[in-house]
Amino acid sequence: MSEAATAGEFYGIFDQSGVDLVLLDLNLPDDDGMEVARRLRRHSNVPVIMVTARDGTHDRIAGLELGVDDYVTKPFHPRELVARVRNLLARVNGKSPQNVKEGL
Protein backbone atom coordinates (compact mmCIF):
# COMPACT_ATOMS: atom_id res chain seq x y z
CA MET A 1 0.00 0.00 0.00
CA SER A 2 1.26 3.47 -0.89
CA GLU A 3 0.10 6.92 0.13
CA ALA A 4 0.56 10.31 -1.51
CA ALA A 5 -0.40 13.73 -0.15
CA THR A 6 -0.14 15.51 -3.49
CA ALA A 7 -0.83 14.79 -7.13
CA GLY A 8 2.90 15.04 -7.84
CA GLU A 9 3.68 12.36 -5.26
CA PHE A 10 0.88 10.21 -6.64
CA TYR A 11 2.18 10.40 -10.22
CA GLY A 12 5.63 9.36 -9.01
CA ILE A 13 4.25 6.35 -7.14
CA PHE A 14 1.91 5.40 -9.97
CA ASP A 15 4.67 5.56 -12.57
CA GLN A 16 7.12 3.52 -10.42
CA SER A 17 4.95 0.71 -9.10
CA GLY A 18 1.93 -1.38 -9.86
CA VAL A 19 -1.23 0.13 -8.42
CA ASP A 20 -4.30 -2.09 -7.97
CA LEU A 21 -6.76 0.63 -6.94
CA VAL A 22 -6.72 4.38 -6.33
CA LEU A 23 -8.58 6.22 -3.57
CA LEU A 24 -8.58 9.80 -4.84
CA ASP A 25 -9.53 13.01 -3.05
CA LEU A 26 -10.67 15.95 -5.13
CA ASN A 27 -9.06 18.52 -2.85
CA LEU A 28 -5.33 18.18 -3.44
CA PRO A 29 -2.86 20.95 -2.57
CA ASP A 30 -1.16 20.97 -5.97
CA ASP A 31 -3.85 19.89 -8.46
CA ASP A 32 -7.55 19.23 -8.76
CA GLY A 33 -8.59 15.61 -8.24
CA MET A 34 -10.80 15.80 -11.33
CA GLU A 35 -7.72 16.55 -13.42
CA VAL A 36 -5.88 13.64 -11.80
CA ALA A 37 -8.84 11.36 -12.63
CA ARG A 38 -8.93 12.67 -16.21
CA ARG A 39 -5.21 11.98 -16.62
CA LEU A 40 -5.57 8.51 -15.10
CA ARG A 41 -8.34 7.58 -17.51
CA ARG A 42 -6.29 8.70 -20.50
CA HIS A 43 -3.49 6.30 -19.55
CA SER A 44 -4.94 3.55 -17.34
CA ASN A 45 -7.97 1.47 -16.46
CA VAL A 46 -6.97 1.20 -12.79
CA PRO A 47 -10.06 1.20 -10.53
CA VAL A 48 -10.66 4.61 -8.93
CA ILE A 49 -12.84 5.54 -5.97
CA MET A 50 -13.27 9.24 -5.26
CA VAL A 51 -13.20 9.85 -1.50
CA THR A 52 -13.95 13.50 -0.88
CA ALA A 53 -15.80 16.11 1.13
CA ARG A 54 -17.33 17.52 -2.06
CA ASP A 55 -20.83 16.15 -1.93
CA GLY A 56 -22.56 18.20 -4.61
CA THR A 57 -24.44 16.46 -7.37
CA HIS A 58 -22.34 18.25 -9.99
CA ASP A 59 -19.08 16.88 -8.52
CA ARG A 60 -20.43 13.33 -8.24
CA ILE A 61 -21.71 13.35 -11.81
CA ALA A 62 -18.51 14.92 -13.15
CA GLY A 63 -16.39 12.27 -11.42
CA LEU A 64 -18.52 9.42 -12.70
CA GLU A 65 -18.54 10.87 -16.22
CA LEU A 66 -14.72 11.00 -16.09
CA GLY A 67 -14.76 7.27 -15.46
CA VAL A 68 -14.23 6.88 -11.73
CA ASP A 69 -15.79 3.66 -10.50
CA ASP A 70 -17.33 4.93 -7.28
CA TYR A 71 -17.77 8.16 -5.32
CA VAL A 72 -17.78 8.27 -1.51
CA THR A 73 -18.36 11.45 0.46
CA LYS A 74 -16.82 12.33 3.81
CA PRO A 75 -17.60 11.58 6.51
CA PHE A 76 -18.01 7.88 5.78
CA HIS A 77 -17.93 4.72 7.84
CA PRO A 78 -14.59 2.89 7.33
CA ARG A 79 -16.35 -0.47 6.92
CA GLU A 80 -18.41 0.98 4.07
CA LEU A 81 -15.26 2.09 2.25
CA VAL A 82 -13.62 -1.30 2.81
CA ALA A 83 -16.73 -3.02 1.41
CA ARG A 84 -16.69 -0.77 -1.66
CA VAL A 85 -12.97 -1.43 -2.21
CA ARG A 86 -13.45 -5.17 -1.77
CA ASN A 87 -16.38 -5.26 -4.21
CA LEU A 88 -14.57 -3.22 -6.84
CA LEU A 89 -11.39 -5.32 -6.62
CA ALA A 90 -13.46 -8.49 -6.83
CA ARG A 91 -15.27 -7.25 -9.93
CA VAL A 92 -12.04 -6.17 -11.62
CA ASN A 93 -10.34 -9.47 -10.78
CA GLY A 94 -13.32 -11.64 -11.69
CA LYS A 95 -13.85 -12.96 -8.16
CA SER A 96 -16.65 -12.84 -5.66
CA PRO A 97 -16.28 -10.18 -2.91
CA GLN A 98 -16.05 -12.92 -0.27
CA ASN A 99 -12.90 -14.24 -1.95
CA VAL A 100 -11.03 -10.93 -1.73
CA LYS A 101 -8.71 -11.02 1.26
CA GLU A 102 -9.61 -9.24 4.47
CA GLY A 103 -6.21 -7.56 4.65
CA LEU A 104 -7.09 -4.42 2.68
PDB file of N, CA and C in Angstrom:
ATOM      1  N   MET A   1       0.844  -1.167   0.000  1.00  0.00           N
ATOM      2  CA  MET A   1       0.000   0.000   0.000  1.00  0.00           C
ATOM      3  C   MET A   1       0.891   1.231   0.000  1.00  0.00           C
ATOM      4  N   SER A   2       0.527   2.214  -0.807  1.00  0.00           N
ATOM      5  CA  SER A   2       1.262   3.468  -0.887  1.00  0.00           C
ATOM      6  C   SER A   2       0.316   4.616  -0.606  1.00  0.00           C
ATOM      7  N   GLU A   3       0.889   5.730  -0.191  1.00  0.00           N
ATOM      8  CA  GLU A   3       0.101   6.916   0.126  1.00  0.00           C
ATOM      9  C   GLU A   3       0.803   8.136  -0.447  1.00  0.00           C
ATOM     10  N   ALA A   4       0.014   9.062  -0.974  1.00  0.00           N
ATOM     11  CA  ALA A   4       0.557  10.306  -1.511  1.00  0.00           C
ATOM     12  C   ALA A   4      -0.313  11.458  -1.030  1.00  0.00           C
ATOM     13  N   ALA A   5       0.325  12.552  -0.630  1.00  0.00           N
ATOM     14  CA  ALA A   5      -0.403  13.729  -0.148  1.00  0.00           C
ATOM     15  C   ALA A   5      -0.664  14.736  -1.263  1.00  0.00           C
ATOM     16  N   THR A   6       0.024  14.584  -2.373  1.00  0.00           N
ATOM     17  CA  THR A   6      -0.138  15.509  -3.489  1.00  0.00           C
ATOM     18  C   THR A   6      -0.263  14.733  -4.794  1.00  0.00           C
ATOM     19  N   ALA A   7      -0.745  15.417  -5.813  1.00  0.00           N
ATOM     20  CA  ALA A   7      -0.832  14.793  -7.134  1.00  0.00           C
ATOM     21  C   ALA A   7       0.559  14.433  -7.639  1.00  0.00           C
ATOM     22  N   GLY A   8       1.520  15.310  -7.407  1.00  0.00           N
ATOM     23  CA  GLY A   8       2.896  15.040  -7.839  1.00  0.00           C
ATOM     24  C   GLY A   8       3.450  13.771  -7.233  1.00  0.00           C
ATOM     25  N   GLU A   9       3.233  13.584  -5.923  1.00  0.00           N
ATOM     26  CA  GLU A   9       3.684  12.355  -5.260  1.00  0.00           C
ATOM     27  C   GLU A   9       2.962  11.145  -5.845  1.00  0.00           C
ATOM     28  N   PHE A  10       1.670  11.303  -6.089  1.00  0.00           N
ATOM     29  CA  PHE A  10       0.882  10.205  -6.639  1.00  0.00           C
ATOM     30  C   PHE A  10       1.427   9.775  -7.996  1.00  0.00           C
ATOM     31  N   TYR A  11       1.678  10.748  -8.886  1.00  0.00           N
ATOM     32  CA  TYR A  11       2.176  10.399 -10.217  1.00  0.00           C
ATOM     33  C   TYR A  11       3.501   9.646 -10.123  1.00  0.00           C
ATOM     34  N   GLY A  12       4.362  10.056  -9.196  1.00  0.00           N
ATOM     35  CA  GLY A  12       5.634   9.362  -9.010  1.00  0.00           C
ATOM     36  C   GLY A  12       5.440   7.920  -8.579  1.00  0.00           C
ATOM     37  N   ILE A  13       4.540   7.707  -7.612  1.00  0.00           N
ATOM     38  CA  ILE A  13       4.251   6.350  -7.141  1.00  0.00           C
ATOM     39  C   ILE A  13       3.612   5.531  -8.254  1.00  0.00           C
ATOM     40  N   PHE A  14       2.643   6.118  -8.929  1.00  0.00           N
ATOM     41  CA  PHE A  14       1.908   5.403  -9.973  1.00  0.00           C
ATOM     42  C   PHE A  14       2.841   4.977 -11.100  1.00  0.00           C
ATOM     43  N   ASP A  15       3.751   5.863 -11.474  1.00  0.00           N
ATOM     44  CA  ASP A  15       4.673   5.555 -12.569  1.00  0.00           C
ATOM     45  C   ASP A  15       5.734   4.526 -12.182  1.00  0.00           C
ATOM     46  N   GLN A  16       6.043   4.401 -10.888  1.00  0.00           N
ATOM     47  CA  GLN A  16       7.123   3.524 -10.423  1.00  0.00           C
ATOM     48  C   GLN A  16       6.660   2.133 -10.006  1.00  0.00           C
ATOM     49  N   SER A  17       5.386   1.999  -9.632  1.00  0.00           N
ATOM     50  CA  SER A  17       4.952   0.706  -9.100  1.00  0.00           C
ATOM     51  C   SER A  17       3.572   0.339  -9.619  1.00  0.00           C
ATOM     52  N   GLY A  18       3.248  -0.915  -9.480  1.00  0.00           N
ATOM     53  CA  GLY A  18       1.929  -1.381  -9.863  1.00  0.00           C
ATOM     54  C   GLY A  18       0.892  -0.935  -8.834  1.00  0.00           C
ATOM     55  N   VAL A  19      -0.169  -0.347  -9.304  1.00  0.00           N
ATOM     56  CA  VAL A  19      -1.234   0.128  -8.425  1.00  0.00           C
ATOM     57  C   VAL A  19      -2.490  -0.658  -8.767  1.00  0.00           C
ATOM     58  N   ASP A  20      -3.095  -1.284  -7.752  1.00  0.00           N
ATOM     59  CA  ASP A  20      -4.296  -2.090  -7.967  1.00  0.00           C
ATOM     60  C   ASP A  20      -5.574  -1.277  -7.915  1.00  0.00           C
ATOM     61  N   LEU A  21      -5.562  -0.196  -7.131  1.00  0.00           N
ATOM     62  CA  LEU A  21      -6.756   0.628  -6.938  1.00  0.00           C
ATOM     63  C   LEU A  21      -6.321   1.976  -6.396  1.00  0.00           C
ATOM     64  N   VAL A  22      -7.042   3.030  -6.784  1.00  0.00           N
ATOM     65  CA  VAL A  22      -6.724   4.385  -6.329  1.00  0.00           C
ATOM     66  C   VAL A  22      -7.902   4.945  -5.545  1.00  0.00           C
ATOM     67  N   LEU A  23      -7.626   5.427  -4.332  1.00  0.00           N
ATOM     68  CA  LEU A  23      -8.580   6.225  -3.568  1.00  0.00           C
ATOM     69  C   LEU A  23      -8.139   7.673  -3.776  1.00  0.00           C
ATOM     70  N   LEU A  24      -8.980   8.475  -4.391  1.00  0.00           N
ATOM     71  CA  LEU A  24      -8.577   9.802  -4.838  1.00  0.00           C
ATOM     72  C   LEU A  24      -9.458  10.878  -4.223  1.00  0.00           C
ATOM     73  N   ASP A  25      -8.818  11.844  -3.585  1.00  0.00           N
ATOM     74  CA  ASP A  25      -9.531  13.007  -3.052  1.00  0.00           C
ATOM     75  C   ASP A  25      -9.547  14.087  -4.121  1.00  0.00           C
ATOM     76  N   LEU A  26     -10.603  14.856  -4.170  1.00  0.00           N
ATOM     77  CA  LEU A  26     -10.674  15.952  -5.133  1.00  0.00           C
ATOM     78  C   LEU A  26      -9.857  17.153  -4.693  1.00  0.00           C
ATOM     79  N   ASN A  27      -9.722  17.345  -3.391  1.00  0.00           N
ATOM     80  CA  ASN A  27      -9.058  18.520  -2.849  1.00  0.00           C
ATOM     81  C   ASN A  27      -7.594  18.229  -2.562  1.00  0.00           C
ATOM     82  N   LEU A  28      -6.765  18.393  -3.573  1.00  0.00           N
ATOM     83  CA  LEU A  28      -5.329  18.181  -3.437  1.00  0.00           C
ATOM     84  C   LEU A  28      -4.635  19.542  -3.408  1.00  0.00           C
ATOM     85  N   PRO A  29      -3.520  19.650  -2.687  1.00  0.00           N
ATOM     86  CA  PRO A  29      -2.863  20.953  -2.565  1.00  0.00           C
ATOM     87  C   PRO A  29      -2.220  21.458  -3.861  1.00  0.00           C
ATOM     88  N   ASP A  30      -1.883  20.550  -4.779  1.00  0.00           N
ATOM     89  CA  ASP A  30      -1.161  20.973  -5.974  1.00  0.00           C
ATOM     90  C   ASP A  30      -1.900  20.736  -7.284  1.00  0.00           C
ATOM     91  N   ASP A  31      -3.083  20.153  -7.240  1.00  0.00           N
ATOM     92  CA  ASP A  31      -3.847  19.893  -8.456  1.00  0.00           C
ATOM     93  C   ASP A  31      -5.275  19.553  -8.055  1.00  0.00           C
ATOM     94  N   ASP A  32      -6.165  19.602  -9.016  1.00  0.00           N
ATOM     95  CA  ASP A  32      -7.550  19.228  -8.764  1.00  0.00           C
ATOM     96  C   ASP A  32      -7.707  17.728  -9.001  1.00  0.00           C
ATOM     97  N   GLY A  33      -8.390  17.050  -8.106  1.00  0.00           N
ATOM     98  CA  GLY A  33      -8.594  15.614  -8.236  1.00  0.00           C
ATOM     99  C   GLY A  33      -9.289  15.220  -9.527  1.00  0.00           C
ATOM    100  N   MET A  34     -10.135  16.097 -10.045  1.00  0.00           N
ATOM    101  CA  MET A  34     -10.799  15.804 -11.326  1.00  0.00           C
ATOM    102  C   MET A  34      -9.766  15.716 -12.445  1.00  0.00           C
ATOM    103  N   GLU A  35      -8.773  16.594 -12.409  1.00  0.00           N
ATOM    104  CA  GLU A  35      -7.718  16.547 -13.422  1.00  0.00           C
ATOM    105  C   GLU A  35      -6.879  15.288 -13.272  1.00  0.00           C
ATOM    106  N   VAL A  36      -6.623  14.884 -12.035  1.00  0.00           N
ATOM    107  CA  VAL A  36      -5.884  13.637 -11.802  1.00  0.00           C
ATOM    108  C   VAL A  36      -6.689  12.463 -12.368  1.00  0.00           C
ATOM    109  N   ALA A  37      -7.991  12.431 -12.104  1.00  0.00           N
ATOM    110  CA  ALA A  37      -8.843  11.356 -12.632  1.00  0.00           C
ATOM    111  C   ALA A  37      -8.851  11.369 -14.159  1.00  0.00           C
ATOM    112  N   ARG A  38      -8.930  12.539 -14.742  1.00  0.00           N
ATOM    113  CA  ARG A  38      -8.925  12.668 -16.205  1.00  0.00           C
ATOM    114  C   ARG A  38      -7.622  12.105 -16.781  1.00  0.00           C
ATOM    115  N   ARG A  39      -6.519  12.459 -16.159  1.00  0.00           N
ATOM    116  CA  ARG A  39      -5.215  11.977 -16.624  1.00  0.00           C
ATOM    117  C   ARG A  39      -5.094  10.467 -16.455  1.00  0.00           C
ATOM    118  N   LEU A  40      -5.592   9.961 -15.320  1.00  0.00           N
ATOM    119  CA  LEU A  40      -5.568   8.507 -15.097  1.00  0.00           C
ATOM    120  C   LEU A  40      -6.321   7.782 -16.193  1.00  0.00           C
ATOM    121  N   ARG A  41      -7.508   8.263 -16.524  1.00  0.00           N
ATOM    122  CA  ARG A  41      -8.337   7.583 -17.507  1.00  0.00           C
ATOM    123  C   ARG A  41      -7.740   7.634 -18.904  1.00  0.00           C
ATOM    124  N   ARG A  42      -6.943   8.645 -19.190  1.00  0.00           N
ATOM    125  CA  ARG A  42      -6.285   8.700 -20.499  1.00  0.00           C
ATOM    126  C   ARG A  42      -5.214   7.631 -20.633  1.00  0.00           C
ATOM    127  N   HIS A  43      -4.649   7.191 -19.502  1.00  0.00           N
ATOM    128  CA  HIS A  43      -3.490   6.301 -19.549  1.00  0.00           C
ATOM    129  C   HIS A  43      -3.685   4.959 -18.845  1.00  0.00           C
ATOM    130  N   SER A  44      -4.808   4.766 -18.144  1.00  0.00           N
ATOM    131  CA  SER A  44      -4.940   3.555 -17.343  1.00  0.00           C
ATOM    132  C   SER A  44      -6.410   3.211 -17.105  1.00  0.00           C
ATOM    133  N   ASN A  45      -6.646   1.940 -16.863  1.00  0.00           N
ATOM    134  CA  ASN A  45      -7.971   1.465 -16.460  1.00  0.00           C
ATOM    135  C   ASN A  45      -7.999   1.078 -14.989  1.00  0.00           C
ATOM    136  N   VAL A  46      -7.026   1.537 -14.206  1.00  0.00           N
ATOM    137  CA  VAL A  46      -6.973   1.205 -12.792  1.00  0.00           C
ATOM    138  C   VAL A  46      -8.286   1.636 -12.125  1.00  0.00           C
ATOM    139  N   PRO A  47      -8.836   0.808 -11.235  1.00  0.00           N
ATOM    140  CA  PRO A  47     -10.059   1.199 -10.530  1.00  0.00           C
ATOM    141  C   PRO A  47      -9.811   2.440  -9.663  1.00  0.00           C
ATOM    142  N   VAL A  48     -10.775   3.363  -9.676  1.00  0.00           N
ATOM    143  CA  VAL A  48     -10.662   4.609  -8.926  1.00  0.00           C
ATOM    144  C   VAL A  48     -11.927   4.843  -8.121  1.00  0.00           C
ATOM    145  N   ILE A  49     -11.740   5.114  -6.828  1.00  0.00           N
ATOM    146  CA  ILE A  49     -12.840   5.536  -5.969  1.00  0.00           C
ATOM    147  C   ILE A  49     -12.517   6.943  -5.490  1.00  0.00           C
ATOM    148  N   MET A  50     -13.400   7.883  -5.798  1.00  0.00           N
ATOM    149  CA  MET A  50     -13.266   9.237  -5.264  1.00  0.00           C
ATOM    150  C   MET A  50     -13.691   9.191  -3.801  1.00  0.00           C
ATOM    151  N   VAL A  51     -12.882   9.756  -2.929  1.00  0.00           N
ATOM    152  CA  VAL A  51     -13.195   9.851  -1.505  1.00  0.00           C
ATOM    153  C   VAL A  51     -12.984  11.315  -1.149  1.00  0.00           C
ATOM    154  N   THR A  52     -14.072  12.052  -0.980  1.00  0.00           N
ATOM    155  CA  THR A  52     -13.952  13.499  -0.881  1.00  0.00           C
ATOM    156  C   THR A  52     -15.056  14.132  -0.053  1.00  0.00           C
ATOM    157  N   ALA A  53     -14.796  15.346   0.391  1.00  0.00           N
ATOM    158  CA  ALA A  53     -15.799  16.110   1.127  1.00  0.00           C
ATOM    159  C   ALA A  53     -16.775  16.799   0.175  1.00  0.00           C
ATOM    160  N   ARG A  54     -16.430  16.881  -1.088  1.00  0.00           N
ATOM    161  CA  ARG A  54     -17.329  17.515  -2.060  1.00  0.00           C
ATOM    162  C   ARG A  54     -18.514  16.600  -2.308  1.00  0.00           C
ATOM    163  N   ASP A  55     -19.667  17.023  -1.838  1.00  0.00           N
ATOM    164  CA  ASP A  55     -20.835  16.146  -1.931  1.00  0.00           C
ATOM    165  C   ASP A  55     -21.909  16.668  -2.876  1.00  0.00           C
ATOM    166  N   GLY A  56     -21.577  17.664  -3.673  1.00  0.00           N
ATOM    167  CA  GLY A  56     -22.558  18.197  -4.615  1.00  0.00           C
ATOM    168  C   GLY A  56     -22.833  17.247  -5.759  1.00  0.00           C
ATOM    169  N   THR A  57     -24.039  17.311  -6.252  1.00  0.00           N
ATOM    170  CA  THR A  57     -24.440  16.460  -7.373  1.00  0.00           C
ATOM    171  C   THR A  57     -23.533  16.686  -8.576  1.00  0.00           C
ATOM    172  N   HIS A  58     -23.196  17.934  -8.842  1.00  0.00           N
ATOM    173  CA  HIS A  58     -22.341  18.252  -9.987  1.00  0.00           C
ATOM    174  C   HIS A  58     -20.994  17.530  -9.886  1.00  0.00           C
ATOM    175  N   ASP A  59     -20.374  17.555  -8.704  1.00  0.00           N
ATOM    176  CA  ASP A  59     -19.084  16.883  -8.524  1.00  0.00           C
ATOM    177  C   ASP A  59     -19.201  15.378  -8.690  1.00  0.00           C
ATOM    178  N   ARG A  60     -20.244  14.783  -8.114  1.00  0.00           N
ATOM    179  CA  ARG A  60     -20.433  13.327  -8.242  1.00  0.00           C
ATOM    180  C   ARG A  60     -20.608  12.929  -9.701  1.00  0.00           C
ATOM    181  N   ILE A  61     -21.459  13.663 -10.397  1.00  0.00           N
ATOM    182  CA  ILE A  61     -21.708  13.346 -11.808  1.00  0.00           C
ATOM    183  C   ILE A  61     -20.445  13.546 -12.631  1.00  0.00           C
ATOM    184  N   ALA A  62     -19.734  14.649 -12.397  1.00  0.00           N
ATOM    185  CA  ALA A  62     -18.507  14.916 -13.153  1.00  0.00           C
ATOM    186  C   ALA A  62     -17.486  13.804 -12.937  1.00  0.00           C
ATOM    187  N   GLY A  63     -17.327  13.359 -11.703  1.00  0.00           N
ATOM    188  CA  GLY A  63     -16.390  12.273 -11.423  1.00  0.00           C
ATOM    189  C   GLY A  63     -16.781  10.988 -12.129  1.00  0.00           C
ATOM    190  N   LEU A  64     -18.049  10.647 -12.046  1.00  0.00           N
ATOM    191  CA  LEU A  64     -18.518   9.423 -12.698  1.00  0.00           C
ATOM    192  C   LEU A  64     -18.399   9.525 -14.210  1.00  0.00           C
ATOM    193  N   GLU A  65     -18.666  10.698 -14.770  1.00  0.00           N
ATOM    194  CA  GLU A  65     -18.536  10.871 -16.216  1.00  0.00           C
ATOM    195  C   GLU A  65     -17.068  10.805 -16.665  1.00  0.00           C
ATOM    196  N   LEU A  66     -16.145  11.141 -15.773  1.00  0.00           N
ATOM    197  CA  LEU A  66     -14.720  11.000 -16.092  1.00  0.00           C
ATOM    198  C   LEU A  66     -14.277   9.543 -16.078  1.00  0.00           C
ATOM    199  N   GLY A  67     -15.092   8.679 -15.471  1.00  0.00           N
ATOM    200  CA  GLY A  67     -14.761   7.266 -15.462  1.00  0.00           C
ATOM    201  C   GLY A  67     -14.359   6.701 -14.117  1.00  0.00           C
ATOM    202  N   VAL A  68     -14.520   7.486 -13.019  1.00  0.00           N
ATOM    203  CA  VAL A  68     -14.233   6.876 -11.727  1.00  0.00           C
ATOM    204  C   VAL A  68     -15.282   5.796 -11.474  1.00  0.00           C
ATOM    205  N   ASP A  69     -14.915   4.805 -10.710  1.00  0.00           N
ATOM    206  CA  ASP A  69     -15.788   3.657 -10.502  1.00  0.00           C
ATOM    207  C   ASP A  69     -16.787   3.851  -9.373  1.00  0.00           C
ATOM    208  N   ASP A  70     -16.446   4.703  -8.419  1.00  0.00           N
ATOM    209  CA  ASP A  70     -17.327   4.926  -7.278  1.00  0.00           C
ATOM    210  C   ASP A  70     -17.001   6.288  -6.693  1.00  0.00           C
ATOM    211  N   TYR A  71     -17.916   6.820  -5.891  1.00  0.00           N
ATOM    212  CA  TYR A  71     -17.766   8.156  -5.318  1.00  0.00           C
ATOM    213  C   TYR A  71     -18.286   8.085  -3.897  1.00  0.00           C
ATOM    214  N   VAL A  72     -17.421   8.339  -2.928  1.00  0.00           N
ATOM    215  CA  VAL A  72     -17.777   8.266  -1.510  1.00  0.00           C
ATOM    216  C   VAL A  72     -17.528   9.633  -0.893  1.00  0.00           C
ATOM    217  N   THR A  73     -18.527  10.143  -0.167  1.00  0.00           N
ATOM    218  CA  THR A  73     -18.363  11.454   0.460  1.00  0.00           C
ATOM    219  C   THR A  73     -18.017  11.311   1.931  1.00  0.00           C
ATOM    220  N   LYS A  74     -17.204  12.263   2.402  1.00  0.00           N
ATOM    221  CA  LYS A  74     -16.817  12.328   3.814  1.00  0.00           C
ATOM    222  C   LYS A  74     -17.909  13.078   4.567  1.00  0.00           C
ATOM    223  N   PRO A  75     -18.166  12.718   5.784  1.00  0.00           N
ATOM    224  CA  PRO A  75     -17.604  11.583   6.506  1.00  0.00           C
ATOM    225  C   PRO A  75     -18.242  10.278   6.034  1.00  0.00           C
ATOM    226  N   PHE A  76     -17.518   9.196   6.173  1.00  0.00           N
ATOM    227  CA  PHE A  76     -18.010   7.884   5.784  1.00  0.00           C
ATOM    228  C   PHE A  76     -17.611   6.898   6.867  1.00  0.00           C
ATOM    229  N   HIS A  77     -18.277   5.776   6.897  1.00  0.00           N
ATOM    230  CA  HIS A  77     -17.925   4.718   7.839  1.00  0.00           C
ATOM    231  C   HIS A  77     -16.800   3.888   7.202  1.00  0.00           C
ATOM    232  N   PRO A  78     -15.716   3.655   7.913  1.00  0.00           N
ATOM    233  CA  PRO A  78     -14.592   2.890   7.333  1.00  0.00           C
ATOM    234  C   PRO A  78     -15.003   1.532   6.773  1.00  0.00           C
ATOM    235  N   ARG A  79     -15.924   0.848   7.435  1.00  0.00           N
ATOM    236  CA  ARG A  79     -16.350  -0.471   6.919  1.00  0.00           C
ATOM    237  C   ARG A  79     -17.043  -0.342   5.571  1.00  0.00           C
ATOM    238  N   GLU A  80     -17.765   0.766   5.363  1.00  0.00           N
ATOM    239  CA  GLU A  80     -18.408   0.975   4.066  1.00  0.00           C
ATOM    240  C   GLU A  80     -17.352   1.127   2.971  1.00  0.00           C
ATOM    241  N   LEU A  81     -16.322   1.910   3.246  1.00  0.00           N
ATOM    242  CA  LEU A  81     -15.264   2.092   2.254  1.00  0.00           C
ATOM    243  C   LEU A  81     -14.555   0.774   1.964  1.00  0.00           C
ATOM    244  N   VAL A  82     -14.266   0.005   3.003  1.00  0.00           N
ATOM    245  CA  VAL A  82     -13.621  -1.303   2.809  1.00  0.00           C
ATOM    246  C   VAL A  82     -14.513  -2.205   1.958  1.00  0.00           C
ATOM    247  N   ALA A  83     -15.813  -2.196   2.203  1.00  0.00           N
ATOM    248  CA  ALA A  83     -16.733  -3.017   1.409  1.00  0.00           C
ATOM    249  C   ALA A  83     -16.738  -2.575  -0.052  1.00  0.00           C
ATOM    250  N   ARG A  84     -16.715  -1.272  -0.288  1.00  0.00           N
ATOM    251  CA  ARG A  84     -16.688  -0.772  -1.661  1.00  0.00           C
ATOM    252  C   ARG A  84     -15.386  -1.163  -2.362  1.00  0.00           C
ATOM    253  N   VAL A  85     -14.264  -1.036  -1.648  1.00  0.00           N
ATOM    254  CA  VAL A  85     -12.970  -1.428  -2.213  1.00  0.00           C
ATOM    255  C   VAL A  85     -12.974  -2.917  -2.526  1.00  0.00           C
ATOM    256  N   ARG A  86     -13.416  -3.720  -1.588  1.00  0.00           N
ATOM    257  CA  ARG A  86     -13.448  -5.173  -1.774  1.00  0.00           C
ATOM    258  C   ARG A  86     -14.320  -5.550  -2.980  1.00  0.00           C
ATOM    259  N   ASN A  87     -15.486  -4.938  -3.092  1.00  0.00           N
ATOM    260  CA  ASN A  87     -16.381  -5.256  -4.209  1.00  0.00           C
ATOM    261  C   ASN A  87     -15.778  -4.848  -5.549  1.00  0.00           C
ATOM    262  N   LEU A  88     -15.161  -3.683  -5.593  1.00  0.00           N
ATOM    263  CA  LEU A  88     -14.570  -3.220  -6.840  1.00  0.00           C
ATOM    264  C   LEU A  88     -13.392  -4.096  -7.248  1.00  0.00           C
ATOM    265  N   LEU A  89     -12.518  -4.437  -6.307  1.00  0.00           N
ATOM    266  CA  LEU A  89     -11.395  -5.320  -6.622  1.00  0.00           C
ATOM    267  C   LEU A  89     -11.878  -6.691  -7.072  1.00  0.00           C
ATOM    268  N   ALA A  90     -12.913  -7.187  -6.430  1.00  0.00           N
ATOM    269  CA  ALA A  90     -13.457  -8.486  -6.827  1.00  0.00           C
ATOM    270  C   ALA A  90     -13.985  -8.438  -8.256  1.00  0.00           C
ATOM    271  N   ARG A  91     -14.714  -7.376  -8.586  1.00  0.00           N
ATOM    272  CA  ARG A  91     -15.267  -7.252  -9.935  1.00  0.00           C
ATOM    273  C   ARG A  91     -14.145  -7.166 -10.968  1.00  0.00           C
ATOM    274  N   VAL A  92     -13.150  -6.353 -10.689  1.00  0.00           N
ATOM    275  CA  VAL A  92     -12.039  -6.168 -11.620  1.00  0.00           C
ATOM    276  C   VAL A  92     -11.256  -7.469 -11.802  1.00  0.00           C
ATOM    277  N   ASN A  93     -11.122  -8.230 -10.729  1.00  0.00           N
ATOM    278  CA  ASN A  93     -10.340  -9.469 -10.779  1.00  0.00           C
ATOM    279  C   ASN A  93     -11.177 -10.702 -11.079  1.00  0.00           C
ATOM    280  N   GLY A  94     -12.460 -10.519 -11.339  1.00  0.00           N
ATOM    281  CA  GLY A  94     -13.322 -11.637 -11.692  1.00  0.00           C
ATOM    282  C   GLY A  94     -13.577 -12.613 -10.570  1.00  0.00           C
ATOM    283  N   LYS A  95     -13.609 -12.111  -9.329  1.00  0.00           N
ATOM    284  CA  LYS A  95     -13.850 -12.963  -8.164  1.00  0.00           C
ATOM    285  C   LYS A  95     -15.090 -12.478  -7.435  1.00  0.00           C
ATOM    286  N   SER A  96     -15.558 -13.302  -6.509  1.00  0.00           N
ATOM    287  CA  SER A  96     -16.654 -12.836  -5.660  1.00  0.00           C
ATOM    288  C   SER A  96     -16.058 -12.014  -4.510  1.00  0.00           C
ATOM    289  N   PRO A  97     -16.794 -11.020  -3.994  1.00  0.00           N
ATOM    290  CA  PRO A  97     -16.278 -10.182  -2.914  1.00  0.00           C
ATOM    291  C   PRO A  97     -15.817 -10.983  -1.692  1.00  0.00           C
ATOM    292  N   GLN A  98     -16.426 -12.115  -1.426  1.00  0.00           N
ATOM    293  CA  GLN A  98     -16.053 -12.918  -0.271  1.00  0.00           C
ATOM    294  C   GLN A  98     -14.664 -13.529  -0.452  1.00  0.00           C
ATOM    295  N   ASN A  99     -14.204 -13.645  -1.704  1.00  0.00           N
ATOM    296  CA  ASN A  99     -12.897 -14.241  -1.954  1.00  0.00           C
ATOM    297  C   ASN A  99     -11.746 -13.231  -1.966  1.00  0.00           C
ATOM    298  N   VAL A 100     -12.078 -11.936  -1.802  1.00  0.00           N
ATOM    299  CA  VAL A 100     -11.032 -10.927  -1.727  1.00  0.00           C
ATOM    300  C   VAL A 100     -10.566 -10.862  -0.283  1.00  0.00           C
ATOM    301  N   LYS A 101      -9.273 -10.922  -0.085  1.00  0.00           N
ATOM    302  CA  LYS A 101      -8.706 -11.023   1.264  1.00  0.00           C
ATOM    303  C   LYS A 101      -9.156  -9.885   2.163  1.00  0.00           C
ATOM    304  N   GLU A 102      -9.245 -10.208   3.457  1.00  0.00           N
ATOM    305  CA  GLU A 102      -9.615  -9.242   4.473  1.00  0.00           C
ATOM    306  C   GLU A 102      -8.551  -8.186   4.678  1.00  0.00           C
ATOM    307  N   GLY A 103      -7.316  -8.432   4.311  1.00  0.00           N
ATOM    308  CA  GLY A 103      -6.215  -7.558   4.650  1.00  0.00           C
ATOM    309  C   GLY A 103      -6.097  -6.308   3.799  1.00  0.00           C
ATOM    310  N   LEU A 104      -7.157  -5.655   3.496  1.00  0.00           N
ATOM    311  CA  LEU A 104      -7.086  -4.422   2.684  1.00  0.00           C
ATOM    312  C   LEU A 104      -6.518  -3.286   3.476  1.00  0.00           C
TER     313      LEU A 104
END
